[in-house]
Amino acid sequence: MRLLSQPYIKINKRKSAFRKMKRLLLTLFIPFFMIAGCGVTLSDYEDAVLDGVSNLNLNKPEKAFEDFSHAIDIDPSRADAYLGRANTLSTLGRYEESLADYNRAIEIDPELANAYANRGSAHSQTGQYKEAIADYEKALELDPEIDDAPGIMDRLFSDKPNTEKGIRKHLEYLRAKAEES
């Protein structure tokens, strides 16, 4: 019986590895071809937002703040620049200021789970635990898989939400803090 099951296991492992590799390739190459490879040009707004994201990822939050503010000047009716600027303010430790931009992003797009999750984090940092709990619960309601896995590779290759950290784990902590106060 063991001899029959071994090829089956090897085939399943290969299929699983192939699916993971396919997911990785799609994740890496589709955005590249959409932006660079098809002759598609970006609008000034999209260019400013992408510059902001890039500068935030390069640990240049002051420059990212300028880029997101420029995008908002170009088109104040879109939520992603407000969300980016709010995330930048949070990165700078300016949590109270970030709340206005998170609120504006949510006003523009009430289904934006990331805005609720990040606003929850800002509320948590300022000791507003009940507001943080409400935002985290709303984020999970809108997107049950929003919990961040430990790293990009885990997020690419895993279909399971991370329960060891992330929003669900932080919610437990905040509920305990809210009961204490």
C-alpha atoms as a PDB file:
ATOM      1  CA  MET A   1       0.000   0.000   0.000  1.00  0.00           C
ATOM      2  CA  ARG A   2       2.837   2.377   0.794  1.00  0.00           C
ATOM      3  CA  LEU A   3       4.255   2.040  -2.720  1.00  0.00           C
ATOM      4  CA  LEU A   4       0.964   3.150  -4.250  1.00  0.00           C
ATOM      5  CA  SER A   5       0.585   6.222  -2.042  1.00  0.00           C
ATOM      6  CA  GLN A   6       4.074   7.653  -2.578  1.00  0.00           C
ATOM      7  CA  PRO A   7       3.645   8.630  -6.258  1.00  0.00           C
ATOM      8  CA  TYR A   8       0.293  10.154  -5.348  1.00  0.00           C
ATOM      9  CA  ILE A   9       1.935  12.298  -2.646  1.00  0.00           C
ATOM     10  CA  LYS A  10       4.724  13.384  -5.003  1.00  0.00           C
ATOM     11  CA  ILE A  11       2.203  14.355  -7.689  1.00  0.00           C
ATOM     12  CA  ASN A  12       0.164  16.380  -5.169  1.00  0.00           C
ATOM     13  CA  LYS A  13       3.294  18.139  -3.940  1.00  0.00           C
ATOM     14  CA  ARG A  14       4.236  18.996  -7.513  1.00  0.00           C
ATOM     15  CA  LYS A  15       0.743  20.298  -8.241  1.00  0.00           C
ATOM     16  CA  SER A  16       0.816  22.375  -5.064  1.00  0.00           C
ATOM     17  CA  ALA A  17       4.262  23.765  -5.909  1.00  0.00           C
ATOM     18  CA  PHE A  18       3.114  24.546  -9.454  1.00  0.00           C
ATOM     19  CA  ARG A  19       0.046  26.421  -8.138  1.00  0.00           C
ATOM     20  CA  LYS A  20       2.224  28.435  -5.772  1.00  0.00           C
ATOM     21  CA  MET A  21       4.703  29.287  -8.529  1.00  0.00           C
ATOM     22  CA  LYS A  22       1.863  30.271 -10.851  1.00  0.00           C
ATOM     23  CA  ARG A  23       0.447  32.584  -8.167  1.00  0.00           C
ATOM     24  CA  LEU A  24       3.868  34.172  -7.656  1.00  0.00           C
ATOM     25  CA  LEU A  25       4.391  34.737 -11.379  1.00  0.00           C
ATOM     26  CA  LEU A  26       0.935  36.221 -11.833  1.00  0.00           C
ATOM     27  CA  THR A  27       1.445  38.494  -8.847  1.00  0.00           C
ATOM     28  CA  LEU A  28       4.776  39.747 -10.154  1.00  0.00           C
ATOM     29  CA  PHE A  29       4.186  40.023 -13.879  1.00  0.00           C
ATOM     30  CA  ILE A  30       0.611  41.163 -14.367  1.00  0.00           C
ATOM     31  CA  PRO A  31       1.157  44.582 -12.750  1.00  0.00           C
ATOM     32  CA  PHE A  32       4.402  44.981 -14.713  1.00  0.00           C
ATOM     33  CA  PHE A  33       2.703  44.362 -18.056  1.00  0.00           C
ATOM     34  CA  MET A  34      -0.284  46.479 -17.120  1.00  0.00           C
ATOM     35  CA  ILE A  35       1.884  49.466 -16.264  1.00  0.00           C
ATOM     36  CA  ALA A  36       4.976  49.187 -18.426  1.00  0.00           C
ATOM     37  CA  GLY A  37       4.591  46.566 -21.103  1.00  0.00           C
ATOM     38  CA  CYS A  38       1.415  47.472 -22.911  1.00  0.00           C
ATOM     39  CA  GLY A  39       2.106  51.058 -23.843  1.00  0.00           C
ATOM     40  CA  VAL A  40      -0.283  52.222 -21.157  1.00  0.00           C
ATOM     41  CA  THR A  41       0.633  55.564 -19.683  1.00  0.00           C
ATOM     42  CA  LEU A  42      -0.191  56.654 -16.186  1.00  0.00           C
ATOM     43  CA  SER A  43      -2.131  59.765 -15.392  1.00  0.00           C
ATOM     44  CA  ASP A  44      -0.478  62.476 -13.316  1.00  0.00           C
ATOM     45  CA  TYR A  45      -2.651  61.365 -10.404  1.00  0.00           C
ATOM     46  CA  GLU A  46      -1.618  57.713 -10.658  1.00  0.00           C
ATOM     47  CA  ASP A  47       2.008  58.732 -11.094  1.00  0.00           C
ATOM     48  CA  ALA A  48       1.885  60.840  -7.903  1.00  0.00           C
ATOM     49  CA  VAL A  49       0.245  58.009  -5.937  1.00  0.00           C
ATOM     50  CA  LEU A  50       2.806  55.462  -7.162  1.00  0.00           C
ATOM     51  CA  ASP A  51       5.623  57.889  -6.302  1.00  0.00           C
ATOM     52  CA  GLY A  52       4.132  58.228  -2.822  1.00  0.00           C
ATOM     53  CA  VAL A  53       3.929  54.474  -2.345  1.00  0.00           C
ATOM     54  CA  SER A  54       7.476  54.061  -3.601  1.00  0.00           C
ATOM     55  CA  ASN A  55       8.845  56.776  -1.317  1.00  0.00           C
ATOM     56  CA  LEU A  56       6.982  55.385   1.665  1.00  0.00           C
ATOM     57  CA  ASN A  57       8.446  51.941   0.957  1.00  0.00           C
ATOM     58  CA  LEU A  58      11.909  53.499   0.599  1.00  0.00           C
ATOM     59  CA  ASN A  59      11.536  55.037   4.074  1.00  0.00           C
ATOM     60  CA  LYS A  60      11.183  58.574   2.713  1.00  0.00           C
ATOM     61  CA  PRO A  61       7.915  59.552   4.421  1.00  0.00           C
ATOM     62  CA  GLU A  62       8.371  63.311   4.001  1.00  0.00           C
ATOM     63  CA  LYS A  63       8.665  62.900   0.231  1.00  0.00           C
ATOM     64  CA  ALA A  64       5.752  60.412   0.248  1.00  0.00           C
ATOM     65  CA  PHE A  65       3.642  62.996   2.075  1.00  0.00           C
ATOM     66  CA  GLU A  66       4.373  65.532  -0.676  1.00  0.00           C
ATOM     67  CA  ASP A  67       3.533  62.987  -3.401  1.00  0.00           C
ATOM     68  CA  PHE A  68       0.195  61.992  -1.846  1.00  0.00           C
ATOM     69  CA  SER A  69      -0.681  65.650  -1.217  1.00  0.00           C
ATOM     70  CA  HIS A  70       0.075  66.384  -4.882  1.00  0.00           C
ATOM     71  CA  ALA A  71      -2.217  63.528  -5.939  1.00  0.00           C
ATOM     72  CA  ILE A  72      -4.979  64.945  -3.731  1.00  0.00           C
ATOM     73  CA  ASP A  73      -4.496  68.360  -5.348  1.00  0.00           C
ATOM     74  CA  ILE A  74      -4.919  66.730  -8.771  1.00  0.00           C
ATOM     75  CA  ASP A  75      -8.035  64.714  -7.869  1.00  0.00           C
ATOM     76  CA  PRO A  76      -9.523  65.124  -4.392  1.00  0.00           C
ATOM     77  CA  SER A  77     -12.381  62.739  -5.205  1.00  0.00           C
ATOM     78  CA  ARG A  78     -10.302  59.541  -4.986  1.00  0.00           C
ATOM     79  CA  ALA A  79      -9.687  57.664  -1.751  1.00  0.00           C
ATOM     80  CA  ASP A  80      -6.309  56.039  -2.387  1.00  0.00           C
ATOM     81  CA  ALA A  81      -4.269  59.260  -2.089  1.00  0.00           C
ATOM     82  CA  TYR A  82      -5.972  60.128   1.214  1.00  0.00           C
ATOM     83  CA  LEU A  83      -5.269  56.606   2.450  1.00  0.00           C
ATOM     84  CA  GLY A  84      -1.626  56.882   1.382  1.00  0.00           C
ATOM     85  CA  ARG A  85      -1.183  60.257   3.038  1.00  0.00           C
ATOM     86  CA  ALA A  86      -2.843  58.991   6.222  1.00  0.00           C
ATOM     87  CA  ASN A  87      -0.530  55.962   6.267  1.00  0.00           C
ATOM     88  CA  THR A  88       2.412  58.325   5.794  1.00  0.00           C
ATOM     89  CA  LEU A  89       1.288  60.463   8.721  1.00  0.00           C
ATOM     90  CA  SER A  90       0.971  57.327  10.846  1.00  0.00           C
ATOM     91  CA  THR A  91       4.470  56.279   9.812  1.00  0.00           C
ATOM     92  CA  LEU A  92       5.669  59.680  11.031  1.00  0.00           C
ATOM     93  CA  GLY A  93       3.891  59.109  14.355  1.00  0.00           C
ATOM     94  CA  ARG A  94       1.345  61.848  13.619  1.00  0.00           C
ATOM     95  CA  TYR A  95      -1.663  59.655  14.444  1.00  0.00           C
ATOM     96  CA  GLU A  96      -4.135  62.421  15.325  1.00  0.00           C
ATOM     97  CA  GLU A  97      -3.463  64.130  11.974  1.00  0.00           C
ATOM     98  CA  SER A  98      -3.805  60.842  10.100  1.00  0.00           C
ATOM     99  CA  LEU A  99      -7.365  60.368  11.354  1.00  0.00           C
ATOM    100  CA  ALA A 100      -8.692  63.215   9.177  1.00  0.00           C
ATOM    101  CA  ASP A 101      -7.316  61.586   6.022  1.00  0.00           C
ATOM    102  CA  TYR A 102      -8.551  58.130   7.036  1.00  0.00           C
ATOM    103  CA  ASN A 103     -11.982  59.662   7.634  1.00  0.00           C
ATOM    104  CA  ARG A 104     -11.928  61.328   4.208  1.00  0.00           C
ATOM    105  CA  ALA A 105     -10.860  58.092   2.484  1.00  0.00           C
ATOM    106  CA  ILE A 106     -13.726  56.236   4.182  1.00  0.00           C
ATOM    107  CA  GLU A 107     -16.157  59.018   3.286  1.00  0.00           C
ATOM    108  CA  ILE A 108     -15.175  58.646  -0.379  1.00  0.00           C
ATOM    109  CA  ASP A 109     -15.123  54.826  -0.335  1.00  0.00           C
ATOM    110  CA  PRO A 110     -17.007  53.294   2.621  1.00  0.00           C
ATOM    111  CA  GLU A 111     -16.037  49.780   1.457  1.00  0.00           C
ATOM    112  CA  LEU A 112     -12.279  50.394   1.793  1.00  0.00           C
ATOM    113  CA  ALA A 113     -11.307  47.806   4.414  1.00  0.00           C
ATOM    114  CA  ASN A 114      -7.676  48.964   4.585  1.00  0.00           C
ATOM    115  CA  ALA A 115      -8.780  52.452   5.604  1.00  0.00           C
ATOM    116  CA  TYR A 116     -10.763  51.037   8.527  1.00  0.00           C
ATOM    117  CA  ALA A 117      -7.900  48.759   9.579  1.00  0.00           C
ATOM    118  CA  ASN A 118      -5.326  51.546   9.423  1.00  0.00           C
ATOM    119  CA  ARG A 119      -7.614  54.038  11.144  1.00  0.00           C
ATOM    120  CA  GLY A 120      -8.085  51.400  13.834  1.00  0.00           C
ATOM    121  CA  SER A 121      -4.335  51.286  14.264  1.00  0.00           C
ATOM    122  CA  ALA A 122      -4.187  55.091  14.608  1.00  0.00           C
ATOM    123  CA  HIS A 123      -7.003  55.003  17.172  1.00  0.00           C
ATOM    124  CA  SER A 124      -5.124  52.283  19.052  1.00  0.00           C
ATOM    125  CA  GLN A 125      -1.942  54.373  19.100  1.00  0.00           C
ATOM    126  CA  THR A 126      -3.820  57.316  20.600  1.00  0.00           C
ATOM    127  CA  GLY A 127      -5.515  55.198  23.280  1.00  0.00           C
ATOM    128  CA  GLN A 128      -8.957  55.331  21.648  1.00  0.00           C
ATOM    129  CA  TYR A 129      -9.542  51.607  22.113  1.00  0.00           C
ATOM    130  CA  LYS A 130     -13.310  51.491  21.546  1.00  0.00           C
ATOM    131  CA  GLU A 131     -12.952  53.334  18.238  1.00  0.00           C
ATOM    132  CA  ALA A 132     -10.078  51.024  17.267  1.00  0.00           C
ATOM    133  CA  ILE A 133     -12.172  47.949  18.040  1.00  0.00           C
ATOM    134  CA  ALA A 134     -15.063  49.258  15.922  1.00  0.00           C
ATOM    135  CA  ASP A 135     -12.728  50.007  12.995  1.00  0.00           C
ATOM    136  CA  TYR A 136     -10.997  46.619  13.156  1.00  0.00           C
ATOM    137  CA  GLU A 137     -14.351  44.828  13.297  1.00  0.00           C
ATOM    138  CA  LYS A 138     -15.580  46.812  10.279  1.00  0.00           C
ATOM    139  CA  ALA A 139     -12.372  46.018   8.364  1.00  0.00           C
ATOM    140  CA  LEU A 140     -12.807  42.297   9.073  1.00  0.00           C
ATOM    141  CA  GLU A 141     -16.480  42.500   8.075  1.00  0.00           C
ATOM    142  CA  LEU A 142     -15.551  44.067   4.739  1.00  0.00           C
ATOM    143  CA  ASP A 143     -12.545  41.799   4.128  1.00  0.00           C
ATOM    144  CA  PRO A 144     -12.235  38.725   6.385  1.00  0.00           C
ATOM    145  CA  GLU A 145      -8.785  37.963   4.950  1.00  0.00           C
ATOM    146  CA  ILE A 146      -7.299  41.370   5.721  1.00  0.00           C
ATOM    147  CA  ASP A 147      -5.039  40.048   8.502  1.00  0.00           C
ATOM    148  CA  ASP A 148      -1.435  40.382   7.426  1.00  0.00           C
ATOM    149  CA  ALA A 149       0.715  37.303   7.291  1.00  0.00           C
ATOM    150  CA  PRO A 150       4.286  37.688   8.612  1.00  0.00           C
ATOM    151  CA  GLY A 151       5.822  38.357   5.195  1.00  0.00           C
ATOM    152  CA  ILE A 152       5.187  38.730   1.495  1.00  0.00           C
ATOM    153  CA  MET A 153       6.189  35.163   0.667  1.00  0.00           C
ATOM    154  CA  ASP A 154       3.772  33.767   3.240  1.00  0.00           C
ATOM    155  CA  ARG A 155       1.011  35.970   1.852  1.00  0.00           C
ATOM    156  CA  LEU A 156       1.718  34.738  -1.673  1.00  0.00           C
ATOM    157  CA  PHE A 157       1.833  31.061  -0.805  1.00  0.00           C
ATOM    158  CA  SER A 158      -0.785  30.717   1.901  1.00  0.00           C
ATOM    159  CA  ASP A 159      -4.546  30.833   1.688  1.00  0.00           C
ATOM    160  CA  LYS A 160      -4.972  30.889   5.473  1.00  0.00           C
ATOM    161  CA  PRO A 161      -5.327  34.103   7.489  1.00  0.00           C
ATOM    162  CA  ASN A 162      -2.647  34.652  10.092  1.00  0.00           C
ATOM    163  CA  THR A 163      -4.165  34.261  13.542  1.00  0.00           C
ATOM    164  CA  GLU A 164      -0.932  34.640  15.515  1.00  0.00           C
ATOM    165  CA  LYS A 165      -0.768  38.369  14.845  1.00  0.00           C
ATOM    166  CA  GLY A 166      -2.678  40.887  12.860  1.00  0.00           C
ATOM    167  CA  ILE A 167      -6.060  42.422  13.416  1.00  0.00           C
ATOM    168  CA  ARG A 168      -7.733  39.494  15.179  1.00  0.00           C
ATOM    169  CA  LYS A 169      -4.932  39.177  17.707  1.00  0.00           C
ATOM    170  CA  HIS A 170      -4.800  42.936  18.258  1.00  0.00           C
ATOM    171  CA  LEU A 171      -8.573  42.989  18.771  1.00  0.00           C
ATOM    172  CA  GLU A 172      -8.164  40.609  21.730  1.00  0.00           C
ATOM    173  CA  TYR A 173      -5.612  42.971  23.244  1.00  0.00           C
ATOM    174  CA  LEU A 174      -7.790  46.052  22.660  1.00  0.00           C
ATOM    175  CA  ARG A 175     -10.876  44.442  24.166  1.00  0.00           C
ATOM    176  CA  ALA A 176      -8.891  43.701  27.321  1.00  0.00           C
ATOM    177  CA  LYS A 177      -7.565  47.306  27.402  1.00  0.00           C
ATOM    178  CA  ALA A 178     -11.062  48.707  26.891  1.00  0.00           C
ATOM    179  CA  GLU A 179     -12.370  46.644  29.819  1.00  0.00           C
ATOM    180  CA  GLU A 180      -9.560  47.945  32.050  1.00  0.00           C
ATOM    181  CA  SER A 181     -10.393  51.582  31.346  1.00  0.00           C
END
